Amino acid sequence: MILSELILMVEELCSVSVSLEIIDDSLSECRNLRLPQDQYIHHSEVCRRNKLADFSVCLNNKRRSREIARYGRAFSGKCPKGVWDLAIPVQLNRKTVAIVYLGGVLVPPDETKRKKLYSYGRFIAQFIVLELLRQAKLTGEHRKRRSEPFYIDNCVRFLEEHFSSPVSLGDLAETLNVNPNYLGKLLKRHFKKSFHELLCERRMKQSEVLLSLHHALNITEIAGLCGFSDSNYFSTVFRHHFGISPREYRTLHQAKKPVREKPSPNGLKKSVRV
């Protein structure tokens, strides 16, 4: 069995939403633990609506949950939006490597169902630990250099999961247990871009979504959700990437005048009205 199938089975048996938050990227190296994108986020209908209304509240609540999960004990409760979840930390060698969430409901379950959810949550957590131990036994603690596709795939996954955090090439190299100079050259050869350029590109993609769909968020909030601690620097990068400011982009989108990128003679991307 693979983890995605196990999660679907528990969702069907318990009529709740089940998702996994990865804290340690070692889970990404284990094929049986890889999940579809929606299983990495709270995906119940009520959570989807809340994310559209104010995504920043969900992110802040996730950060608080990670802090609590560090102690290794299960906990439950409602988020600021009133959605109930049971959180089961997944621990390996006394380190929290992931969190299993079961719930996504507005009405907290009774005691009997809570015990049932706890049992299934612990089972999922134990499954993850066993798979990680099996993977460690197969590869050894000190792994030799892997194939280039392995590093490319994990770079893409790393950027997708951590673009909103202050990460660097060194962080990725440490996660993959590889020399950062080798990894940087590999990415440059494969993508024709540096790690920093790839990270910036992913952040800009997210900023487009937030500017277009989340009109309640101001520019500072969007900058933070895209991994920028300084909104002025975010605006500078955005203008360099698209040729217009974030505010101008939002105005154009609200006026239903789509923007597309057009290469300029100096290689920078410029946005034009179509």
C-alpha atoms as a PDB file:
ATOM      1  CA  MET A   1       0.000   0.000   0.000  1.00  0.00           C
ATOM      2  CA  ILE A   2       1.091   3.594  -0.592  1.00  0.00           C
ATOM      3  CA  LEU A   3       0.318   6.563   1.650  1.00  0.00           C
ATOM      4  CA  SER A   4      -2.077   8.295  -0.757  1.00  0.00           C
ATOM      5  CA  GLU A   5      -4.284   5.186  -0.885  1.00  0.00           C
ATOM      6  CA  LEU A   6      -4.226   4.851   2.906  1.00  0.00           C
ATOM      7  CA  ILE A   7      -5.335   8.478   3.327  1.00  0.00           C
ATOM      8  CA  LEU A   8      -8.209   8.021   0.876  1.00  0.00           C
ATOM      9  CA  MET A   9      -9.303   4.887   2.729  1.00  0.00           C
ATOM     10  CA  VAL A  10      -9.366   6.672   6.092  1.00  0.00           C
ATOM     11  CA  GLU A  11     -11.295   9.600   4.589  1.00  0.00           C
ATOM     12  CA  GLU A  12     -13.932   7.205   3.284  1.00  0.00           C
ATOM     13  CA  LEU A  13     -14.181   5.251   6.545  1.00  0.00           C
ATOM     14  CA  CYS A  14     -14.415   8.326   8.788  1.00  0.00           C
ATOM     15  CA  SER A  15     -16.098  10.905   6.504  1.00  0.00           C
ATOM     16  CA  VAL A  16     -13.438  13.515   7.255  1.00  0.00           C
ATOM     17  CA  SER A  17     -10.675  15.289   5.387  1.00  0.00           C
ATOM     18  CA  VAL A  18      -7.152  13.872   5.907  1.00  0.00           C
ATOM     19  CA  SER A  19      -4.013  15.743   4.883  1.00  0.00           C
ATOM     20  CA  LEU A  20      -0.282  15.666   5.551  1.00  0.00           C
ATOM     21  CA  GLU A  21       2.025  18.584   6.252  1.00  0.00           C
ATOM     22  CA  ILE A  22       5.674  17.794   5.529  1.00  0.00           C
ATOM     23  CA  ILE A  23       8.251  19.293   7.895  1.00  0.00           C
ATOM     24  CA  ASP A  24      11.293  17.181   6.967  1.00  0.00           C
ATOM     25  CA  ASP A  25      11.976  16.741   3.248  1.00  0.00           C
ATOM     26  CA  SER A  26      13.212  13.174   3.754  1.00  0.00           C
ATOM     27  CA  LEU A  27       9.585  12.155   3.124  1.00  0.00           C
ATOM     28  CA  SER A  28       9.908  13.375  -0.467  1.00  0.00           C
ATOM     29  CA  GLU A  29      12.628  10.816  -1.138  1.00  0.00           C
ATOM     30  CA  CYS A  30      10.351   7.878  -0.360  1.00  0.00           C
ATOM     31  CA  ARG A  31       8.222   6.949  -3.353  1.00  0.00           C
ATOM     32  CA  ASN A  32       5.496   5.298  -1.260  1.00  0.00           C
ATOM     33  CA  LEU A  33       5.011   8.487   0.762  1.00  0.00           C
ATOM     34  CA  ARG A  34       4.543  10.899  -2.145  1.00  0.00           C
ATOM     35  CA  LEU A  35       1.074  12.410  -2.404  1.00  0.00           C
ATOM     36  CA  PRO A  36      -1.052  14.312  -4.912  1.00  0.00           C
ATOM     37  CA  GLN A  37      -0.850  18.065  -4.294  1.00  0.00           C
ATOM     38  CA  ASP A  38      -4.311  18.332  -2.685  1.00  0.00           C
ATOM     39  CA  GLN A  39      -3.396  15.805   0.038  1.00  0.00           C
ATOM     40  CA  TYR A  40      -0.683  18.177   1.287  1.00  0.00           C
ATOM     41  CA  ILE A  41      -3.274  20.832   2.172  1.00  0.00           C
ATOM     42  CA  HIS A  42      -6.567  21.005   4.058  1.00  0.00           C
ATOM     43  CA  HIS A  43      -8.989  20.233   1.250  1.00  0.00           C
ATOM     44  CA  SER A  44     -12.434  19.922   2.796  1.00  0.00           C
ATOM     45  CA  GLU A  45     -15.072  22.118   1.177  1.00  0.00           C
ATOM     46  CA  VAL A  46     -15.216  24.500   4.122  1.00  0.00           C
ATOM     47  CA  CYS A  47     -11.407  24.875   4.102  1.00  0.00           C
ATOM     48  CA  ARG A  48     -11.383  25.610   0.374  1.00  0.00           C
ATOM     49  CA  ARG A  49     -13.910  28.407   0.904  1.00  0.00           C
ATOM     50  CA  ASN A  50     -11.918  29.847   3.787  1.00  0.00           C
ATOM     51  CA  LYS A  51      -8.700  29.864   1.750  1.00  0.00           C
ATOM     52  CA  LEU A  52     -10.386  31.856  -0.976  1.00  0.00           C
ATOM     53  CA  ALA A  53     -11.681  34.350   1.589  1.00  0.00           C
ATOM     54  CA  ASP A  54      -8.431  34.875   3.541  1.00  0.00           C
ATOM     55  CA  PHE A  55      -5.500  32.535   2.914  1.00  0.00           C
ATOM     56  CA  SER A  56      -3.216  34.332   5.393  1.00  0.00           C
ATOM     57  CA  VAL A  57      -5.312  33.151   8.375  1.00  0.00           C
ATOM     58  CA  CYS A  58      -4.748  29.528   7.326  1.00  0.00           C
ATOM     59  CA  LEU A  59      -1.000  30.049   6.968  1.00  0.00           C
ATOM     60  CA  ASN A  60      -0.663  31.659  10.383  1.00  0.00           C
ATOM     61  CA  ASN A  61      -2.642  28.859  12.011  1.00  0.00           C
ATOM     62  CA  LYS A  62      -0.416  26.266  10.289  1.00  0.00           C
ATOM     63  CA  ARG A  63       2.663  27.959  11.763  1.00  0.00           C
ATOM     64  CA  ARG A  64       1.195  27.751  15.263  1.00  0.00           C
ATOM     65  CA  SER A  65       0.339  24.079  14.732  1.00  0.00           C
ATOM     66  CA  ARG A  66       3.925  23.310  13.698  1.00  0.00           C
ATOM     67  CA  GLU A  67       5.199  24.884  16.908  1.00  0.00           C
ATOM     68  CA  ILE A  68       2.852  22.741  19.023  1.00  0.00           C
ATOM     69  CA  ALA A  69       3.653  19.589  17.027  1.00  0.00           C
ATOM     70  CA  ARG A  70       7.345  19.909  17.887  1.00  0.00           C
ATOM     71  CA  TYR A  71       6.537  18.439  21.311  1.00  0.00           C
ATOM     72  CA  GLY A  72       5.274  15.221  19.710  1.00  0.00           C
ATOM     73  CA  ARG A  73       1.828  15.074  21.285  1.00  0.00           C
ATOM     74  CA  ALA A  74      -1.494  14.867  19.461  1.00  0.00           C
ATOM     75  CA  PHE A  75      -3.784  17.866  19.835  1.00  0.00           C
ATOM     76  CA  SER A  76      -7.111  19.061  18.484  1.00  0.00           C
ATOM     77  CA  GLY A  77      -9.165  22.216  18.240  1.00  0.00           C
ATOM     78  CA  LYS A  78     -10.723  24.809  15.970  1.00  0.00           C
ATOM     79  CA  CYS A  79      -8.807  27.217  13.762  1.00  0.00           C
ATOM     80  CA  PRO A  80      -9.749  30.961  13.741  1.00  0.00           C
ATOM     81  CA  LYS A  81     -12.235  30.140  10.966  1.00  0.00           C
ATOM     82  CA  GLY A  82     -14.029  27.603  13.172  1.00  0.00           C
ATOM     83  CA  VAL A  83     -12.811  24.426  11.421  1.00  0.00           C
ATOM     84  CA  TRP A  84     -12.016  21.494  13.745  1.00  0.00           C
ATOM     85  CA  ASP A  85      -9.009  19.225  13.207  1.00  0.00           C
ATOM     86  CA  LEU A  86      -7.115  16.529  15.061  1.00  0.00           C
ATOM     87  CA  ALA A  87      -3.335  16.832  14.564  1.00  0.00           C
ATOM     88  CA  ILE A  88      -1.064  13.800  14.937  1.00  0.00           C
ATOM     89  CA  PRO A  89       2.688  14.598  14.888  1.00  0.00           C
ATOM     90  CA  VAL A  90       4.860  12.057  13.054  1.00  0.00           C
ATOM     91  CA  GLN A  91       8.105  11.607  14.970  1.00  0.00           C
ATOM     92  CA  LEU A  92      11.305   9.857  13.940  1.00  0.00           C
ATOM     93  CA  ASN A  93      14.244   9.803  16.359  1.00  0.00           C
ATOM     94  CA  ARG A  94      12.376  12.308  18.581  1.00  0.00           C
ATOM     95  CA  LYS A  95      12.098  14.770  15.731  1.00  0.00           C
ATOM     96  CA  THR A  96       8.766  15.826  14.217  1.00  0.00           C
ATOM     97  CA  VAL A  97       9.004  15.139  10.481  1.00  0.00           C
ATOM     98  CA  ALA A  98       5.342  15.639   9.499  1.00  0.00           C
ATOM     99  CA  ILE A  99       1.851  16.275  10.839  1.00  0.00           C
ATOM    100  CA  VAL A 100      -1.252  14.250   9.964  1.00  0.00           C
ATOM    101  CA  TYR A 101      -4.484  16.278  10.083  1.00  0.00           C
ATOM    102  CA  LEU A 102      -7.879  14.588  10.358  1.00  0.00           C
ATOM    103  CA  GLY A 103     -11.091  16.612  10.386  1.00  0.00           C
ATOM    104  CA  GLY A 104     -11.884  19.671   8.316  1.00  0.00           C
ATOM    105  CA  VAL A 105     -15.340  19.849   9.908  1.00  0.00           C
ATOM    106  CA  LEU A 106     -17.295  22.655  11.595  1.00  0.00           C
ATOM    107  CA  VAL A 107     -18.910  20.452  14.251  1.00  0.00           C
ATOM    108  CA  PRO A 108     -16.380  18.667  16.524  1.00  0.00           C
ATOM    109  CA  PRO A 109     -16.945  14.881  16.630  1.00  0.00           C
ATOM    110  CA  ASP A 110     -18.100  13.111  19.763  1.00  0.00           C
ATOM    111  CA  GLU A 111     -15.678  11.254  22.024  1.00  0.00           C
ATOM    112  CA  THR A 112     -16.192   7.905  20.288  1.00  0.00           C
ATOM    113  CA  LYS A 113     -15.365   9.285  16.873  1.00  0.00           C
ATOM    114  CA  ARG A 114     -12.399  11.234  18.251  1.00  0.00           C
ATOM    115  CA  LYS A 115     -10.901   8.004  19.548  1.00  0.00           C
ATOM    116  CA  LYS A 116     -11.500   6.412  16.155  1.00  0.00           C
ATOM    117  CA  LEU A 117      -9.797   9.318  14.368  1.00  0.00           C
ATOM    118  CA  TYR A 118      -6.882   9.175  16.807  1.00  0.00           C
ATOM    119  CA  SER A 119      -6.411   5.451  16.121  1.00  0.00           C
ATOM    120  CA  TYR A 120      -6.407   5.964  12.357  1.00  0.00           C
ATOM    121  CA  GLY A 121      -4.132   8.996  12.680  1.00  0.00           C
ATOM    122  CA  ARG A 122      -1.618   7.021  14.728  1.00  0.00           C
ATOM    123  CA  PHE A 123      -1.777   4.210  12.188  1.00  0.00           C
ATOM    124  CA  ILE A 124      -0.960   6.648   9.360  1.00  0.00           C
ATOM    125  CA  ALA A 125       1.893   8.127  11.421  1.00  0.00           C
ATOM    126  CA  GLN A 126       3.333   4.665  12.136  1.00  0.00           C
ATOM    127  CA  PHE A 127       3.055   3.752   8.460  1.00  0.00           C
ATOM    128  CA  ILE A 128       5.091   6.848   7.568  1.00  0.00           C
ATOM    129  CA  VAL A 129       7.772   6.039  10.159  1.00  0.00           C
ATOM    130  CA  LEU A 130       8.084   2.450   8.963  1.00  0.00           C
ATOM    131  CA  GLU A 131       8.451   3.593   5.351  1.00  0.00           C
ATOM    132  CA  LEU A 132      11.136   6.100   6.358  1.00  0.00           C
ATOM    133  CA  LEU A 133      13.042   3.420   8.251  1.00  0.00           C
ATOM    134  CA  ARG A 134      12.768   1.063   5.299  1.00  0.00           C
ATOM    135  CA  GLN A 135      14.040   3.787   2.975  1.00  0.00           C
ATOM    136  CA  ALA A 136      16.974   4.521   5.295  1.00  0.00           C
ATOM    137  CA  LYS A 137      17.899   0.854   5.380  1.00  0.00           C
ATOM    138  CA  LEU A 138      17.840   0.614   1.586  1.00  0.00           C
ATOM    139  CA  THR A 139      19.897   3.724   0.926  1.00  0.00           C
ATOM    140  CA  GLY A 140      22.176   3.804   3.949  1.00  0.00           C
ATOM    141  CA  GLU A 141      22.830   6.762   6.177  1.00  0.00           C
ATOM    142  CA  HIS A 142      25.551   8.151   3.918  1.00  0.00           C
ATOM    143  CA  ARG A 143      24.136   8.010   0.446  1.00  0.00           C
ATOM    144  CA  LYS A 144      26.243   8.188  -2.652  1.00  0.00           C
ATOM    145  CA  ARG A 145      25.527  10.830  -5.256  1.00  0.00           C
ATOM    146  CA  ARG A 146      22.173  10.104  -6.880  1.00  0.00           C
ATOM    147  CA  SER A 147      21.124  10.436 -10.491  1.00  0.00           C
ATOM    148  CA  GLU A 148      20.621  13.892 -11.967  1.00  0.00           C
ATOM    149  CA  PRO A 149      16.842  13.383 -12.442  1.00  0.00           C
ATOM    150  CA  PHE A 150      16.610  12.681  -8.701  1.00  0.00           C
ATOM    151  CA  TYR A 151      18.062  16.096  -7.839  1.00  0.00           C
ATOM    152  CA  ILE A 152      15.992  17.893 -10.487  1.00  0.00           C
ATOM    153  CA  ASP A 153      12.716  16.326  -9.306  1.00  0.00           C
ATOM    154  CA  ASN A 154      13.461  17.093  -5.672  1.00  0.00           C
ATOM    155  CA  CYS A 155      14.429  20.664  -6.496  1.00  0.00           C
ATOM    156  CA  VAL A 156      11.051  21.221  -8.165  1.00  0.00           C
ATOM    157  CA  ARG A 157       9.272  19.639  -5.204  1.00  0.00           C
ATOM    158  CA  PHE A 158      11.333  21.663  -2.712  1.00  0.00           C
ATOM    159  CA  LEU A 159      10.477  24.942  -4.451  1.00  0.00           C
ATOM    160  CA  GLU A 160       6.791  24.032  -4.602  1.00  0.00           C
ATOM    161  CA  GLU A 161       6.644  23.275  -0.888  1.00  0.00           C
ATOM    162  CA  HIS A 162       8.938  26.015   0.453  1.00  0.00           C
ATOM    163  CA  PHE A 163       8.770  29.012  -1.904  1.00  0.00           C
ATOM    164  CA  SER A 164       6.924  31.033   0.753  1.00  0.00           C
ATOM    165  CA  SER A 165       9.767  30.526   3.258  1.00  0.00           C
ATOM    166  CA  PRO A 166      13.250  32.119   3.373  1.00  0.00           C
ATOM    167  CA  VAL A 167      15.127  29.268   1.672  1.00  0.00           C
ATOM    168  CA  SER A 168      18.401  29.099  -0.231  1.00  0.00           C
ATOM    169  CA  LEU A 169      20.416  26.756  -2.449  1.00  0.00           C
ATOM    170  CA  GLY A 170      22.310  25.743   0.687  1.00  0.00           C
ATOM    171  CA  ASP A 171      19.084  24.599   2.348  1.00  0.00           C
ATOM    172  CA  LEU A 172      18.192  22.449  -0.646  1.00  0.00           C
ATOM    173  CA  ALA A 173      21.710  21.002  -0.866  1.00  0.00           C
ATOM    174  CA  GLU A 174      21.664  20.139   2.843  1.00  0.00           C
ATOM    175  CA  THR A 175      18.288  18.439   2.460  1.00  0.00           C
ATOM    176  CA  LEU A 176      19.576  16.330  -0.440  1.00  0.00           C
ATOM    177  CA  ASN A 177      22.980  15.696   1.187  1.00  0.00           C
ATOM    178  CA  VAL A 178      24.888  17.016  -1.828  1.00  0.00           C
ATOM    179  CA  ASN A 179      27.497  19.693  -2.494  1.00  0.00           C
ATOM    180  CA  PRO A 180      25.757  23.054  -3.184  1.00  0.00           C
ATOM    181  CA  ASN A 181      28.219  23.972  -5.956  1.00  0.00           C
ATOM    182  CA  TYR A 182      27.481  20.715  -7.793  1.00  0.00           C
ATOM    183  CA  LEU A 183      23.740  21.200  -7.306  1.00  0.00           C
ATOM    184  CA  GLY A 184      23.847  24.811  -8.474  1.00  0.00           C
ATOM    185  CA  LYS A 185      25.689  23.877 -11.675  1.00  0.00           C
ATOM    186  CA  LEU A 186      23.269  21.008 -12.300  1.00  0.00           C
ATOM    187  CA  LEU A 187      20.236  23.299 -11.995  1.00  0.00           C
ATOM    188  CA  LYS A 188      21.845  25.898 -14.234  1.00  0.00           C
ATOM    189  CA  ARG A 189      22.578  23.280 -16.882  1.00  0.00           C
ATOM    190  CA  HIS A 190      19.104  21.754 -16.763  1.00  0.00           C
ATOM    191  CA  PHE A 191      16.902  24.850 -16.356  1.00  0.00           C
ATOM    192  CA  LYS A 192      19.262  27.512 -17.791  1.00  0.00           C
ATOM    193  CA  LYS A 193      18.482  29.362 -14.545  1.00  0.00           C
ATOM    194  CA  SER A 194      20.000  29.616 -11.079  1.00  0.00           C
ATOM    195  CA  PHE A 195      18.256  28.401  -7.922  1.00  0.00           C
ATOM    196  CA  HIS A 196      17.527  32.023  -7.008  1.00  0.00           C
ATOM    197  CA  GLU A 197      15.933  32.635 -10.409  1.00  0.00           C
ATOM    198  CA  LEU A 198      13.800  29.487 -10.092  1.00  0.00           C
ATOM    199  CA  LEU A 199      12.696  30.524  -6.598  1.00  0.00           C
ATOM    200  CA  CYS A 200      11.854  34.032  -7.782  1.00  0.00           C
ATOM    201  CA  GLU A 201       9.909  32.645 -10.746  1.00  0.00           C
ATOM    202  CA  ARG A 202       7.782  30.434  -8.467  1.00  0.00           C
ATOM    203  CA  ARG A 203       7.116  33.318  -6.100  1.00  0.00           C
ATOM    204  CA  MET A 204       6.065  35.557  -8.972  1.00  0.00           C
ATOM    205  CA  LYS A 205       3.675  32.877 -10.193  1.00  0.00           C
ATOM    206  CA  GLN A 206       2.062  32.779  -6.747  1.00  0.00           C
ATOM    207  CA  SER A 207       1.903  36.575  -6.562  1.00  0.00           C
ATOM    208  CA  GLU A 208      -0.085  36.634  -9.830  1.00  0.00           C
ATOM    209  CA  VAL A 209      -2.673  34.281  -8.313  1.00  0.00           C
ATOM    210  CA  LEU A 210      -2.985  36.290  -5.104  1.00  0.00           C
ATOM    211  CA  LEU A 211      -3.175  39.651  -6.853  1.00  0.00           C
ATOM    212  CA  SER A 212      -5.812  38.362  -9.259  1.00  0.00           C
ATOM    213  CA  LEU A 213      -8.052  36.381  -6.918  1.00  0.00           C
ATOM    214  CA  HIS A 214      -7.528  37.658  -3.374  1.00  0.00           C
ATOM    215  CA  HIS A 215      -8.499  41.311  -3.525  1.00  0.00           C
ATOM    216  CA  ALA A 216      -8.850  41.552   0.262  1.00  0.00           C
ATOM    217  CA  LEU A 217      -5.094  41.035   0.691  1.00  0.00           C
ATOM    218  CA  ASN A 218      -2.919  44.144   0.558  1.00  0.00           C
ATOM    219  CA  ILE A 219       0.496  44.243  -1.131  1.00  0.00           C
ATOM    220  CA  THR A 220       2.391  43.712   2.140  1.00  0.00           C
ATOM    221  CA  GLU A 221       0.357  40.596   2.954  1.00  0.00           C
ATOM    222  CA  ILE A 222       0.854  39.203  -0.546  1.00  0.00           C
ATOM    223  CA  ALA A 223       4.581  39.860  -0.307  1.00  0.00           C
ATOM    224  CA  GLY A 224       4.728  37.852   2.936  1.00  0.00           C
ATOM    225  CA  LEU A 225       2.733  34.956   1.486  1.00  0.00           C
ATOM    226  CA  CYS A 226       5.166  34.834  -1.438  1.00  0.00           C
ATOM    227  CA  GLY A 227       8.274  34.667   0.749  1.00  0.00           C
ATOM    228  CA  PHE A 228       9.251  38.362   0.831  1.00  0.00           C
ATOM    229  CA  SER A 229       9.802  40.025   4.212  1.00  0.00           C
ATOM    230  CA  ASP A 230      10.067  43.457   2.555  1.00  0.00           C
ATOM    231  CA  SER A 231       7.119  44.625   0.451  1.00  0.00           C
ATOM    232  CA  ASN A 232       9.263  47.270  -1.284  1.00  0.00           C
ATOM    233  CA  TYR A 233      11.723  44.620  -2.434  1.00  0.00           C
ATOM    234  CA  PHE A 234       8.786  42.466  -3.559  1.00  0.00           C
ATOM    235  CA  SER A 235       7.479  45.352  -5.674  1.00  0.00           C
ATOM    236  CA  THR A 236      10.945  45.874  -7.166  1.00  0.00           C
ATOM    237  CA  VAL A 237      11.259  42.198  -8.116  1.00  0.00           C
ATOM    238  CA  PHE A 238       7.707  42.144  -9.492  1.00  0.00           C
ATOM    239  CA  ARG A 239       8.347  45.195 -11.687  1.00  0.00           C
ATOM    240  CA  HIS A 240      11.626  43.666 -12.907  1.00  0.00           C
ATOM    241  CA  HIS A 241       9.791  40.442 -13.773  1.00  0.00           C
ATOM    242  CA  PHE A 242       6.611  41.844 -15.364  1.00  0.00           C
ATOM    243  CA  GLY A 243       7.454  45.440 -16.231  1.00  0.00           C
ATOM    244  CA  ILE A 244       4.676  46.875 -14.048  1.00  0.00           C
ATOM    245  CA  SER A 245       4.086  47.237 -10.299  1.00  0.00           C
ATOM    246  CA  PRO A 246       1.869  44.850  -8.281  1.00  0.00           C
ATOM    247  CA  ARG A 247      -0.756  47.567  -7.913  1.00  0.00           C
ATOM    248  CA  GLU A 248      -0.779  48.210 -11.652  1.00  0.00           C
ATOM    249  CA  TYR A 249      -1.089  44.474 -12.300  1.00  0.00           C
ATOM    250  CA  ARG A 250      -4.071  44.234  -9.929  1.00  0.00           C
ATOM    251  CA  THR A 251      -5.715  47.263 -11.555  1.00  0.00           C
ATOM    252  CA  LEU A 252      -5.289  45.779 -15.025  1.00  0.00           C
ATOM    253  CA  HIS A 253      -6.726  42.464 -13.895  1.00  0.00           C
ATOM    254  CA  GLN A 254      -9.704  44.067 -12.186  1.00  0.00           C
ATOM    255  CA  ALA A 255     -10.345  45.989 -15.393  1.00  0.00           C
ATOM    256  CA  LYS A 256     -10.298  42.613 -17.206  1.00  0.00           C
ATOM    257  CA  LYS A 257      -7.323  43.558 -19.329  1.00  0.00           C
ATOM    258  CA  PRO A 258      -5.122  40.463 -19.261  1.00  0.00           C
ATOM    259  CA  VAL A 259      -1.361  40.822 -19.189  1.00  0.00           C
ATOM    260  CA  ARG A 260       1.087  38.625 -21.012  1.00  0.00           C
ATOM    261  CA  GLU A 261       4.852  38.541 -20.871  1.00  0.00           C
ATOM    262  CA  LYS A 262       6.876  39.760 -23.805  1.00  0.00           C
ATOM    263  CA  PRO A 263      10.671  39.422 -23.956  1.00  0.00           C
ATOM    264  CA  SER A 264      12.466  42.741 -24.268  1.00  0.00           C
ATOM    265  CA  PRO A 265      15.776  43.245 -26.120  1.00  0.00           C
ATOM    266  CA  ASN A 266      17.757  43.186 -22.861  1.00  0.00           C
ATOM    267  CA  GLY A 267      16.315  39.814 -21.845  1.00  0.00           C
ATOM    268  CA  LEU A 268      13.953  41.127 -19.138  1.00  0.00           C
ATOM    269  CA  LYS A 269      10.296  40.185 -19.204  1.00  0.00           C
ATOM    270  CA  LYS A 270       7.907  42.992 -20.058  1.00  0.00           C
ATOM    271  CA  SER A 271       4.117  42.905 -19.702  1.00  0.00           C
ATOM    272  CA  VAL A 272       1.887  44.271 -22.425  1.00  0.00           C
ATOM    273  CA  ARG A 273      -1.871  44.713 -22.728  1.00  0.00           C
ATOM    274  CA  VAL A 274      -3.645  42.418 -25.106  1.00  0.00           C
END
